Amino acid sequence: MNGLIGLAATLAILLVLGTILGLADRRNFSPRWLLIAALLVAINDACLTRVYGLLPDLIGGDWNWQGKSMALAATLALASLPAFGWRRIGLTFAQTPGSLKAALPVAVAYCAFFIAIALVFGGDEADAEAVGFQLTMPGLEEEPFYRGLLLFALDQAFQGRKRLLGVDWGWGALLSCGLFGMAHAFGYADGSFSFEPAIMALTAIPSLIAVWLRLRTGSLVLPVALHNFGNAFSFLV
């Protein structure tokens, strides 16, 4: 029940804020795609929680292997639909010609950000399962969803663009980063909502870099690799 209340609040924020932004630029706004984006968030949340605990955990372990695997499978299945398409959401190894020259310094800065955090806050206690999970599942599941499927849907909902730092930004990019941050920092438990600004910043800000990399290169390869590096590094120091 707590998870459903938290999800409902997140969707309410998305729909209300999205409608306000859309009405400010009606010619470039598609309410249908905003609703599709909200549905995608709900599907992803249901998969990650094994339909809020209704499905048994057949994989086991201390980490959410099954939830992440279900969410990734759902993302790949939805991306196969004609309205999306794997290549259109960045599920391709092909990089936009000439993009790596600009992307590599940004990738180095992304790594430096997480190295600095790990050195400042200290490393986490590691075991083989923790390292294996962080080196694979977060990036493999979250990047195709947040920087791929969801970003595509929100970009269809808000088609106005501003050119900045070599890529075309829309409200969809910012909303997808905000939703990624909220997934880590916002929740409901014990009769009240909680919000952690520091966690929001430490997730939403790097996600802006990941969005830039996705838009600049046309691919999710770098975002996936860097995401897993960032998650795993604190276990390796």
Protein backbone atom coordinates (compact mmCIF):
# COMPACT_ATOMS: atom_id res chain seq x y z
CA MET A 1 0.00 0.00 0.00
CA ASN A 2 2.83 2.43 0.84
CA GLY A 3 4.34 1.88 -2.60
CA LEU A 4 1.03 2.56 -4.33
CA ILE A 5 0.52 5.79 -2.40
CA GLY A 6 4.04 6.92 -3.27
CA LEU A 7 3.47 6.06 -6.93
CA ALA A 8 0.13 7.89 -6.98
CA ALA A 9 1.78 11.01 -5.56
CA THR A 10 4.60 10.85 -8.11
CA LEU A 11 2.15 10.47 -10.99
CA ALA A 12 0.03 13.32 -9.66
CA ILE A 13 3.08 15.60 -9.59
CA LEU A 14 4.04 14.54 -13.12
CA LEU A 15 0.56 15.07 -14.54
CA VAL A 16 -0.11 18.38 -12.80
CA LEU A 17 3.30 19.86 -13.55
CA GLY A 18 3.27 18.43 -17.05
CA THR A 19 -0.14 19.91 -17.79
CA ILE A 20 0.96 23.34 -16.55
CA LEU A 21 4.07 23.23 -18.74
CA GLY A 22 2.09 21.94 -21.69
CA LEU A 23 -0.62 24.59 -21.49
CA ALA A 24 2.08 27.25 -21.54
CA ASP A 25 3.07 26.00 -25.03
CA ARG A 26 -0.04 24.30 -26.37
CA ARG A 27 1.14 24.01 -29.96
CA ASN A 28 3.99 21.73 -28.87
CA PHE A 29 2.06 19.78 -26.23
CA SER A 30 0.55 16.29 -26.54
CA PRO A 31 -1.57 15.32 -23.50
CA ARG A 32 -1.83 11.78 -24.88
CA TRP A 33 1.93 11.28 -24.69
CA LEU A 34 2.01 12.75 -21.18
CA LEU A 35 -0.50 10.10 -20.13
CA ILE A 36 1.59 7.44 -21.88
CA ALA A 37 4.64 8.61 -19.92
CA ALA A 38 2.68 8.32 -16.67
CA LEU A 39 1.60 4.81 -17.63
CA LEU A 40 5.22 3.87 -18.34
CA VAL A 41 6.24 5.06 -14.86
CA ALA A 42 3.46 2.95 -13.34
CA ILE A 43 4.48 -0.16 -15.30
CA ASN A 44 8.13 0.29 -14.35
CA ASP A 45 7.24 0.70 -10.68
CA ALA A 46 5.02 -2.38 -10.68
CA CYS A 47 7.80 -4.47 -12.21
CA LEU A 48 10.46 -3.22 -9.80
CA THR A 49 8.27 -4.11 -6.82
CA ARG A 50 7.17 -7.48 -8.27
CA VAL A 51 3.65 -6.03 -8.51
CA TYR A 52 3.97 -4.73 -4.94
CA GLY A 53 4.99 -8.09 -3.56
CA LEU A 54 2.23 -10.14 -5.17
CA LEU A 55 4.72 -12.13 -7.25
CA PRO A 56 7.15 -14.44 -5.44
CA ASP A 57 10.87 -13.75 -5.57
CA LEU A 58 12.15 -16.69 -7.59
CA ILE A 59 15.74 -15.45 -7.88
CA GLY A 60 16.46 -14.54 -4.27
CA GLY A 61 19.54 -12.79 -2.96
CA ASP A 62 19.96 -9.56 -1.06
CA TRP A 63 19.44 -7.34 -4.10
CA ASN A 64 16.44 -6.83 -6.34
CA TRP A 65 17.56 -9.01 -9.25
CA GLN A 66 14.05 -10.13 -10.15
CA GLY A 67 12.44 -6.71 -9.99
CA LYS A 68 15.18 -5.16 -12.10
CA SER A 69 15.03 -8.02 -14.61
CA MET A 70 11.25 -7.70 -14.91
CA ALA A 71 11.50 -3.94 -15.40
CA LEU A 72 14.19 -4.35 -18.07
CA ALA A 73 12.12 -6.99 -19.89
CA ALA A 74 9.08 -4.68 -19.83
CA THR A 75 11.16 -1.77 -21.18
CA LEU A 76 12.54 -3.86 -24.03
CA ALA A 77 9.08 -5.21 -24.88
CA LEU A 78 7.53 -1.74 -24.91
CA ALA A 79 10.45 -0.38 -26.92
CA SER A 80 9.67 -2.99 -29.58
CA LEU A 81 6.28 -1.42 -30.25
CA PRO A 82 6.03 0.64 -33.47
CA ALA A 83 5.32 3.83 -31.51
CA PHE A 84 8.79 3.61 -29.97
CA GLY A 85 11.47 1.47 -31.63
CA TRP A 86 14.78 0.39 -30.11
CA ARG A 87 16.96 2.70 -32.18
CA ARG A 88 14.68 5.69 -31.61
CA ILE A 89 15.05 5.37 -27.84
CA GLY A 90 18.82 4.86 -28.04
CA LEU A 91 19.09 1.06 -27.87
CA THR A 92 21.85 0.93 -30.46
CA PHE A 93 25.62 0.56 -30.41
CA ALA A 94 25.93 3.09 -33.24
CA GLN A 95 27.14 6.52 -32.13
CA THR A 96 26.32 9.77 -33.90
CA PRO A 97 29.30 10.53 -36.17
CA GLY A 98 31.75 12.86 -34.46
CA SER A 99 29.95 12.73 -31.10
CA LEU A 100 32.54 10.76 -29.14
CA LYS A 101 35.09 13.57 -29.33
CA ALA A 102 32.68 15.80 -27.41
CA ALA A 103 31.28 13.04 -25.22
CA LEU A 104 34.49 11.56 -23.84
CA PRO A 105 35.49 14.63 -21.74
CA VAL A 106 31.97 14.69 -20.31
CA ALA A 107 32.22 10.98 -19.53
CA VAL A 108 35.50 11.62 -17.68
CA ALA A 109 33.82 14.40 -15.67
CA TYR A 110 30.94 12.05 -14.84
CA CYS A 111 33.40 9.44 -13.51
CA ALA A 112 35.28 12.11 -11.55
CA PHE A 113 32.01 13.18 -9.90
CA PHE A 114 31.37 9.69 -8.53
CA ILE A 115 35.00 9.14 -7.57
CA ALA A 116 34.89 12.35 -5.54
CA ILE A 117 31.66 11.30 -3.81
CA ALA A 118 33.11 7.90 -2.92
CA LEU A 119 36.30 9.44 -1.56
CA VAL A 120 34.44 12.08 0.46
CA PHE A 121 31.75 9.84 1.91
CA GLY A 122 33.77 6.63 2.03
CA GLY A 123 33.20 3.31 0.35
CA ASP A 124 30.45 0.83 1.16
CA GLU A 125 31.08 -2.67 2.46
CA ALA A 126 31.19 -4.98 -0.53
CA ASP A 127 30.47 -8.61 -1.22
CA ALA A 128 30.43 -10.42 -4.53
CA GLU A 129 26.67 -10.09 -5.00
CA ALA A 130 26.66 -6.36 -4.26
CA VAL A 131 29.49 -5.67 -6.70
CA GLY A 132 27.92 -7.89 -9.36
CA PHE A 133 24.56 -6.20 -9.00
CA GLN A 134 25.93 -2.65 -9.10
CA LEU A 135 28.14 -3.42 -12.10
CA THR A 136 25.15 -4.60 -14.12
CA MET A 137 21.54 -4.03 -13.13
CA PRO A 138 21.20 -0.32 -12.30
CA GLY A 139 22.55 0.90 -15.62
CA LEU A 140 21.05 -1.92 -17.68
CA GLU A 141 17.57 -1.29 -16.29
CA GLU A 142 17.41 2.40 -15.42
CA GLU A 143 19.13 3.92 -18.46
CA PRO A 144 16.95 2.23 -21.12
CA PHE A 145 13.90 3.28 -19.12
CA TYR A 146 14.69 6.83 -17.93
CA ARG A 147 17.06 7.98 -20.69
CA GLY A 148 15.41 5.84 -23.35
CA LEU A 149 11.73 4.89 -23.20
CA LEU A 150 10.50 7.53 -20.75
CA LEU A 151 12.61 10.31 -22.26
CA PHE A 152 11.22 9.49 -25.69
CA ALA A 153 7.61 9.59 -24.45
CA LEU A 154 8.12 12.88 -22.63
CA ASP A 155 9.89 14.37 -25.64
CA GLN A 156 6.80 13.50 -27.69
CA ALA A 157 4.63 15.16 -25.04
CA PHE A 158 6.71 18.37 -25.06
CA GLN A 159 8.09 19.04 -28.52
CA GLY A 160 9.45 22.54 -27.97
CA ARG A 161 13.26 22.61 -28.02
CA LYS A 162 16.11 24.91 -27.01
CA ARG A 163 19.63 24.36 -28.33
CA LEU A 164 22.21 24.25 -25.53
CA LEU A 165 25.66 22.65 -25.30
CA GLY A 166 25.28 20.99 -28.66
CA VAL A 167 21.95 19.21 -28.06
CA ASP A 168 18.27 20.11 -28.30
CA TRP A 169 16.67 20.21 -24.83
CA GLY A 170 12.97 19.99 -24.06
CA TRP A 171 10.86 19.79 -20.93
CA GLY A 172 10.90 16.02 -21.37
CA ALA A 173 14.62 15.85 -20.56
CA LEU A 174 14.18 17.83 -17.34
CA LEU A 175 11.09 15.90 -16.27
CA SER A 176 12.75 12.55 -16.86
CA CYS A 177 15.67 13.66 -14.66
CA GLY A 178 13.26 14.89 -12.01
CA LEU A 179 11.40 11.58 -12.02
CA PHE A 180 14.68 9.69 -11.75
CA GLY A 181 15.64 11.77 -8.74
CA MET A 182 12.23 11.29 -7.14
CA ALA A 183 12.47 7.52 -7.58
CA HIS A 184 15.44 7.63 -5.21
CA ALA A 185 14.56 10.54 -2.93
CA PHE A 186 10.77 10.59 -2.59
CA GLY A 187 8.54 8.03 -0.92
CA TYR A 188 5.71 7.26 1.44
CA ALA A 189 5.93 5.14 4.60
CA ASP A 190 4.44 5.02 8.10
CA GLY A 191 1.69 7.48 7.24
CA SER A 192 3.85 10.30 5.86
CA PHE A 193 5.81 11.33 2.79
CA SER A 194 9.58 11.70 2.86
CA PHE A 195 11.94 13.63 0.62
CA GLU A 196 15.74 13.72 0.73
CA PRO A 197 17.10 16.82 -1.09
CA ALA A 198 20.70 15.57 -1.01
CA ILE A 199 19.76 12.26 -2.62
CA MET A 200 17.64 14.13 -5.16
CA ALA A 201 20.64 16.24 -6.13
CA LEU A 202 23.05 13.30 -6.24
CA THR A 203 20.77 11.44 -8.64
CA ALA A 204 19.05 14.14 -10.70
CA ILE A 205 22.24 16.07 -11.50
CA PRO A 206 24.20 13.08 -12.89
CA SER A 207 21.09 12.11 -14.82
CA LEU A 208 21.28 15.45 -16.66
CA ILE A 209 24.77 14.45 -17.80
CA ALA A 210 23.44 11.04 -18.86
CA VAL A 211 20.65 12.74 -20.85
CA TRP A 212 23.21 14.96 -22.58
CA LEU A 213 25.29 11.91 -23.48
CA ARG A 214 22.22 10.10 -24.79
CA LEU A 215 21.14 13.05 -26.92
CA ARG A 216 24.64 13.86 -28.15
CA THR A 217 25.67 10.33 -29.11
CA GLY A 218 22.23 8.99 -30.05
CA SER A 219 22.97 5.89 -27.99
CA LEU A 220 22.59 4.55 -24.45
CA VAL A 221 25.95 2.79 -24.47
CA LEU A 222 27.88 5.48 -22.57
CA PRO A 223 25.05 6.23 -20.08
CA VAL A 224 24.74 2.54 -19.20
CA ALA A 225 28.50 2.02 -18.76
CA LEU A 226 28.97 5.20 -16.71
CA HIS A 227 25.91 4.55 -14.55
CA ASN A 228 27.22 1.14 -13.54
CA PHE A 229 30.67 2.56 -12.90
CA GLY A 230 29.23 5.28 -10.67
CA ASN A 231 27.15 2.80 -8.69
CA ALA A 232 29.91 0.24 -8.28
CA PHE A 233 32.89 2.49 -7.57
CA SER A 234 31.99 3.06 -3.92
CA PHE A 235 32.12 -0.73 -3.42
CA LEU A 236 35.53 -0.96 -5.06
CA VAL A 237 37.47 1.76 -3.23
